[in-house]
Amino acid sequence: TAPQEVPAALGQWLQEPLPSCLTA
């Protein structure tokens, strides 16, 4: 896997993901 620490500039979400801990 790639490093998970990424610059904040890469955190541009067109639509926020649904809050969940149950589904892939």
PDB file of all heavy atoms in Angstrom:
ATOM      1  N   THR A   1       0.844  -1.183   0.000  1.00  0.00           N
ATOM      2  CA  THR A   1       0.000   0.000   0.000  1.00  0.00           C
ATOM      3  C   THR A   1       0.880   1.234   0.000  1.00  0.00           C
ATOM      4  O   THR A   1       2.013   1.206   0.455  1.00  0.00           O
ATOM      5  CB  THR A   1      -0.937   0.042   1.232  1.00  0.00           C
ATOM      6  OG1 THR A   1      -0.129  -0.007   2.403  1.00  0.00           O
ATOM      7  CG2 THR A   1      -1.917  -1.117   1.226  1.00  0.00           C
ATOM      8  N   ALA A   2       0.365   2.306  -0.510  1.00  0.00           N
ATOM      9  CA  ALA A   2       1.086   3.584  -0.535  1.00  0.00           C
ATOM     10  C   ALA A   2       1.057   4.191   0.853  1.00  0.00           C
ATOM     11  O   ALA A   2       0.199   3.869   1.666  1.00  0.00           O
ATOM     12  CB  ALA A   2       0.429   4.530  -1.536  1.00  0.00           C
ATOM     13  N   PRO A   3       1.989   5.090   1.135  1.00  0.00           N
ATOM     14  CA  PRO A   3       1.948   5.781   2.432  1.00  0.00           C
ATOM     15  C   PRO A   3       0.596   6.465   2.625  1.00  0.00           C
ATOM     16  O   PRO A   3       0.056   7.054   1.701  1.00  0.00           O
ATOM     17  CB  PRO A   3       3.072   6.810   2.316  1.00  0.00           C
ATOM     18  CG  PRO A   3       3.950   6.320   1.224  1.00  0.00           C
ATOM     19  CD  PRO A   3       3.067   5.547   0.285  1.00  0.00           C
ATOM     20  N   GLN A   4       0.069   6.366   3.830  1.00  0.00           N
ATOM     21  CA  GLN A   4      -1.252   6.936   4.094  1.00  0.00           C
ATOM     22  C   GLN A   4      -1.175   8.389   4.545  1.00  0.00           C
ATOM     23  O   GLN A   4      -2.178   9.075   4.576  1.00  0.00           O
ATOM     24  CB  GLN A   4      -1.985   6.088   5.128  1.00  0.00           C
ATOM     25  CG  GLN A   4      -2.166   4.648   4.676  1.00  0.00           C
ATOM     26  CD  GLN A   4      -2.729   4.527   3.273  1.00  0.00           C
ATOM     27  OE1 GLN A   4      -3.767   5.114   2.962  1.00  0.00           O
ATOM     28  NE2 GLN A   4      -2.075   3.781   2.402  1.00  0.00           N
ATOM     29  N   GLU A   5      -0.011   8.849   4.914  1.00  0.00           N
ATOM     30  CA  GLU A   5       0.163  10.247   5.273  1.00  0.00           C
ATOM     31  C   GLU A   5       0.231  11.051   3.984  1.00  0.00           C
ATOM     32  O   GLU A   5       1.184  10.930   3.224  1.00  0.00           O
ATOM     33  CB  GLU A   5       1.441  10.442   6.080  1.00  0.00           C
ATOM     34  CG  GLU A   5       1.431   9.746   7.422  1.00  0.00           C
ATOM     35  CD  GLU A   5       0.397  10.306   8.366  1.00  0.00           C
ATOM     36  OE1 GLU A   5       0.198  11.537   8.368  1.00  0.00           O
ATOM     37  OE2 GLU A   5      -0.217   9.523   9.089  1.00  0.00           O
ATOM     38  N   VAL A   6      -0.771  11.832   3.709  1.00  0.00           N
ATOM     39  CA  VAL A   6      -0.809  12.600   2.464  1.00  0.00           C
ATOM     40  C   VAL A   6      -1.023  14.070   2.785  1.00  0.00           C
ATOM     41  O   VAL A   6      -1.576  14.411   3.834  1.00  0.00           O
ATOM     42  CB  VAL A   6      -1.923  12.097   1.511  1.00  0.00           C
ATOM     43  CG1 VAL A   6      -1.679  10.657   1.105  1.00  0.00           C
ATOM     44  CG2 VAL A   6      -3.294  12.253   2.126  1.00  0.00           C
ATOM     45  N   PRO A   7      -0.586  14.969   1.905  1.00  0.00           N
ATOM     46  CA  PRO A   7      -0.804  16.407   2.148  1.00  0.00           C
ATOM     47  C   PRO A   7      -2.295  16.734   2.227  1.00  0.00           C
ATOM     48  O   PRO A   7      -3.118  16.100   1.556  1.00  0.00           O
ATOM     49  CB  PRO A   7      -0.177  17.066   0.923  1.00  0.00           C
ATOM     50  CG  PRO A   7       0.708  16.047   0.313  1.00  0.00           C
ATOM     51  CD  PRO A   7       0.135  14.712   0.672  1.00  0.00           C
ATOM     52  N   ALA A   8      -2.619  17.722   3.024  1.00  0.00           N
ATOM     53  CA  ALA A   8      -4.018  18.140   3.175  1.00  0.00           C
ATOM     54  C   ALA A   8      -4.626  18.536   1.834  1.00  0.00           C
ATOM     55  O   ALA A   8      -5.834  18.369   1.622  1.00  0.00           O
ATOM     56  CB  ALA A   8      -4.119  19.291   4.164  1.00  0.00           C
ATOM     57  N   ALA A   9      -3.810  19.029   0.881  1.00  0.00           N
ATOM     58  CA  ALA A   9      -4.316  19.437  -0.435  1.00  0.00           C
ATOM     59  C   ALA A   9      -4.949  18.275  -1.193  1.00  0.00           C
ATOM     60  O   ALA A   9      -5.746  18.480  -2.100  1.00  0.00           O
ATOM     61  CB  ALA A   9      -3.189  20.041  -1.271  1.00  0.00           C
ATOM     62  N   LEU A  10      -4.599  17.049  -0.814  1.00  0.00           N
ATOM     63  CA  LEU A  10      -5.185  15.893  -1.486  1.00  0.00           C
ATOM     64  C   LEU A  10      -6.537  15.503  -0.898  1.00  0.00           C
ATOM     65  O   LEU A  10      -7.183  14.598  -1.396  1.00  0.00           O
ATOM     66  CB  LEU A  10      -4.235  14.689  -1.413  1.00  0.00           C
ATOM     67  CG  LEU A  10      -2.876  14.883  -2.066  1.00  0.00           C
ATOM     68  CD1 LEU A  10      -2.094  13.584  -2.036  1.00  0.00           C
ATOM     69  CD2 LEU A  10      -2.997  15.394  -3.481  1.00  0.00           C
ATOM     70  N   GLY A  11      -6.965  16.185   0.125  1.00  0.00           N
ATOM     71  CA  GLY A  11      -8.222  15.875   0.777  1.00  0.00           C
ATOM     72  C   GLY A  11      -9.403  16.619   0.185  1.00  0.00           C
ATOM     73  O   GLY A  11     -10.270  17.083   0.914  1.00  0.00           O
ATOM     74  N   GLN A  12      -9.455  16.740  -1.111  1.00  0.00           N
ATOM     75  CA  GLN A  12     -10.540  17.474  -1.771  1.00  0.00           C
ATOM     76  C   GLN A  12     -11.621  16.477  -2.193  1.00  0.00           C
ATOM     77  O   GLN A  12     -11.472  15.760  -3.169  1.00  0.00           O
ATOM     78  CB  GLN A  12      -9.990  18.207  -2.995  1.00  0.00           C
ATOM     79  CG  GLN A  12     -11.035  19.068  -3.680  1.00  0.00           C
ATOM     80  CD  GLN A  12     -10.399  19.992  -4.687  1.00  0.00           C
ATOM     81  OE1 GLN A  12      -9.362  20.602  -4.421  1.00  0.00           O
ATOM     82  NE2 GLN A  12     -11.003  20.107  -5.846  1.00  0.00           N
ATOM     83  N   TRP A  13     -12.703  16.453  -1.440  1.00  0.00           N
ATOM     84  CA  TRP A  13     -13.806  15.541  -1.714  1.00  0.00           C
ATOM     85  C   TRP A  13     -14.928  16.328  -2.385  1.00  0.00           C
ATOM     86  O   TRP A  13     -15.371  17.348  -1.866  1.00  0.00           O
ATOM     87  CB  TRP A  13     -14.296  14.890  -0.425  1.00  0.00           C
ATOM     88  CG  TRP A  13     -13.325  13.856   0.053  1.00  0.00           C
ATOM     89  CD1 TRP A  13     -12.162  14.082   0.725  1.00  0.00           C
ATOM     90  CD2 TRP A  13     -13.410  12.453  -0.159  1.00  0.00           C
ATOM     91  NE1 TRP A  13     -11.521  12.892   0.950  1.00  0.00           N
ATOM     92  CE2 TRP A  13     -12.265  11.886   0.417  1.00  0.00           C
ATOM     93  CE3 TRP A  13     -14.350  11.629  -0.784  1.00  0.00           C
ATOM     94  CZ2 TRP A  13     -12.030  10.512   0.393  1.00  0.00           C
ATOM     95  CZ3 TRP A  13     -14.112  10.265  -0.803  1.00  0.00           C
ATOM     96  CH2 TRP A  13     -12.966   9.715  -0.229  1.00  0.00           C
ATOM     97  N   LEU A  14     -15.369  15.843  -3.525  1.00  0.00           N
ATOM     98  CA  LEU A  14     -16.490  16.472  -4.220  1.00  0.00           C
ATOM     99  C   LEU A  14     -17.751  16.297  -3.385  1.00  0.00           C
ATOM    100  O   LEU A  14     -18.607  17.168  -3.316  1.00  0.00           O
ATOM    101  CB  LEU A  14     -16.662  15.835  -5.601  1.00  0.00           C
ATOM    102  CG  LEU A  14     -17.690  16.488  -6.489  1.00  0.00           C
ATOM    103  CD1 LEU A  14     -17.234  17.883  -6.891  1.00  0.00           C
ATOM    104  CD2 LEU A  14     -17.950  15.651  -7.726  1.00  0.00           C
ATOM    105  N   GLN A  15     -17.823  15.157  -2.755  1.00  0.00           N
ATOM    106  CA  GLN A  15     -18.958  14.823  -1.903  1.00  0.00           C
ATOM    107  C   GLN A  15     -18.392  14.012  -0.744  1.00  0.00           C
ATOM    108  O   GLN A  15     -17.671  13.045  -0.959  1.00  0.00           O
ATOM    109  CB  GLN A  15     -19.952  14.000  -2.723  1.00  0.00           C
ATOM    110  CG  GLN A  15     -21.167  13.553  -2.014  1.00  0.00           C
ATOM    111  CD  GLN A  15     -22.066  12.756  -2.963  1.00  0.00           C
ATOM    112  OE1 GLN A  15     -21.905  12.783  -4.171  1.00  0.00           O
ATOM    113  NE2 GLN A  15     -23.002  12.035  -2.404  1.00  0.00           N
ATOM    114  N   GLU A  16     -18.674  14.408   0.479  1.00  0.00           N
ATOM    115  CA  GLU A  16     -18.128  13.702   1.634  1.00  0.00           C
ATOM    116  C   GLU A  16     -18.633  12.263   1.664  1.00  0.00           C
ATOM    117  O   GLU A  16     -19.802  12.004   1.379  1.00  0.00           O
ATOM    118  CB  GLU A  16     -18.510  14.410   2.940  1.00  0.00           C
ATOM    119  CG  GLU A  16     -17.784  15.716   3.158  1.00  0.00           C
ATOM    120  CD  GLU A  16     -16.281  15.540   3.373  1.00  0.00           C
ATOM    121  OE1 GLU A  16     -15.842  14.505   3.928  1.00  0.00           O
ATOM    122  OE2 GLU A  16     -15.533  16.457   2.986  1.00  0.00           O
ATOM    123  N   PRO A  17     -17.751  11.309   1.999  1.00  0.00           N
ATOM    124  CA  PRO A  17     -18.190   9.910   2.081  1.00  0.00           C
ATOM    125  C   PRO A  17     -19.159   9.714   3.244  1.00  0.00           C
ATOM    126  O   PRO A  17     -19.105  10.447   4.237  1.00  0.00           O
ATOM    127  CB  PRO A  17     -16.898   9.134   2.291  1.00  0.00           C
ATOM    128  CG  PRO A  17     -15.897  10.117   2.763  1.00  0.00           C
ATOM    129  CD  PRO A  17     -16.334  11.465   2.281  1.00  0.00           C
ATOM    130  N   LEU A  18     -20.012   8.728   3.102  1.00  0.00           N
ATOM    131  CA  LEU A  18     -20.976   8.426   4.150  1.00  0.00           C
ATOM    132  C   LEU A  18     -20.254   7.901   5.385  1.00  0.00           C
ATOM    133  O   LEU A  18     -19.320   7.110   5.263  1.00  0.00           O
ATOM    134  CB  LEU A  18     -21.972   7.365   3.658  1.00  0.00           C
ATOM    135  CG  LEU A  18     -22.853   7.780   2.483  1.00  0.00           C
ATOM    136  CD1 LEU A  18     -23.664   6.591   1.987  1.00  0.00           C
ATOM    137  CD2 LEU A  18     -23.754   8.928   2.874  1.00  0.00           C
ATOM    138  N   PRO A  19     -20.672   8.330   6.578  1.00  0.00           N
ATOM    139  CA  PRO A  19     -20.042   7.809   7.785  1.00  0.00           C
ATOM    140  C   PRO A  19     -20.400   6.332   7.958  1.00  0.00           C
ATOM    141  O   PRO A  19     -21.571   5.973   7.895  1.00  0.00           O
ATOM    142  CB  PRO A  19     -20.625   8.663   8.910  1.00  0.00           C
ATOM    143  CG  PRO A  19     -21.721   9.461   8.317  1.00  0.00           C
ATOM    144  CD  PRO A  19     -21.666   9.325   6.836  1.00  0.00           C
ATOM    145  N   SER A  20     -19.383   5.500   8.113  1.00  0.00           N
ATOM    146  CA  SER A  20     -19.630   4.072   8.245  1.00  0.00           C
ATOM    147  C   SER A  20     -18.390   3.373   8.783  1.00  0.00           C
ATOM    148  O   SER A  20     -17.275   3.836   8.593  1.00  0.00           O
ATOM    149  CB  SER A  20     -19.995   3.468   6.887  1.00  0.00           C
ATOM    150  OG  SER A  20     -20.074   2.061   6.974  1.00  0.00           O
ATOM    151  N   CYS A  21     -18.609   2.253   9.453  1.00  0.00           N
ATOM    152  CA  CYS A  21     -17.531   1.365   9.885  1.00  0.00           C
ATOM    153  C   CYS A  21     -17.899  -0.069   9.528  1.00  0.00           C
ATOM    154  O   CYS A  21     -17.296  -1.011  10.021  1.00  0.00           O
ATOM    155  CB  CYS A  21     -17.318   1.453  11.390  1.00  0.00           C
ATOM    156  SG  CYS A  21     -16.800   3.066  11.995  1.00  0.00           S
ATOM    157  N   LEU A  22     -18.900  -0.254   8.679  1.00  0.00           N
ATOM    158  CA  LEU A  22     -19.438  -1.588   8.471  1.00  0.00           C
ATOM    159  C   LEU A  22     -19.301  -2.130   7.053  1.00  0.00           C
ATOM    160  O   LEU A  22     -19.381  -3.341   6.860  1.00  0.00           O
ATOM    161  CB  LEU A  22     -20.928  -1.609   8.854  1.00  0.00           C
ATOM    162  CG  LEU A  22     -21.236  -1.189  10.292  1.00  0.00           C
ATOM    163  CD1 LEU A  22     -22.733  -1.094  10.509  1.00  0.00           C
ATOM    164  CD2 LEU A  22     -20.613  -2.161  11.270  1.00  0.00           C
ATOM    165  N   THR A  23     -19.126  -1.262   6.067  1.00  0.00           N
ATOM    166  CA  THR A  23     -19.093  -1.746   4.692  1.00  0.00           C
ATOM    167  C   THR A  23     -17.851  -1.253   3.964  1.00  0.00           C
ATOM    168  O   THR A  23     -17.377  -0.149   4.209  1.00  0.00           O
ATOM    169  CB  THR A  23     -20.334  -1.270   3.900  1.00  0.00           C
ATOM    170  OG1 THR A  23     -20.389   0.154   3.944  1.00  0.00           O
ATOM    171  CG2 THR A  23     -21.618  -1.835   4.467  1.00  0.00           C
ATOM    172  N   ALA A  24     -17.333  -2.098   3.088  1.00  0.00           N
ATOM    173  CA  ALA A  24     -16.216  -1.689   2.233  1.00  0.00           C
ATOM    174  C   ALA A  24     -16.742  -0.706   1.204  1.00  0.00           C
ATOM    175  O   ALA A  24     -17.850  -0.868   0.687  1.00  0.00           O
ATOM    176  CB  ALA A  24     -15.614  -2.908   1.552  1.00  0.00           C
TER     177      ALA A  24
END
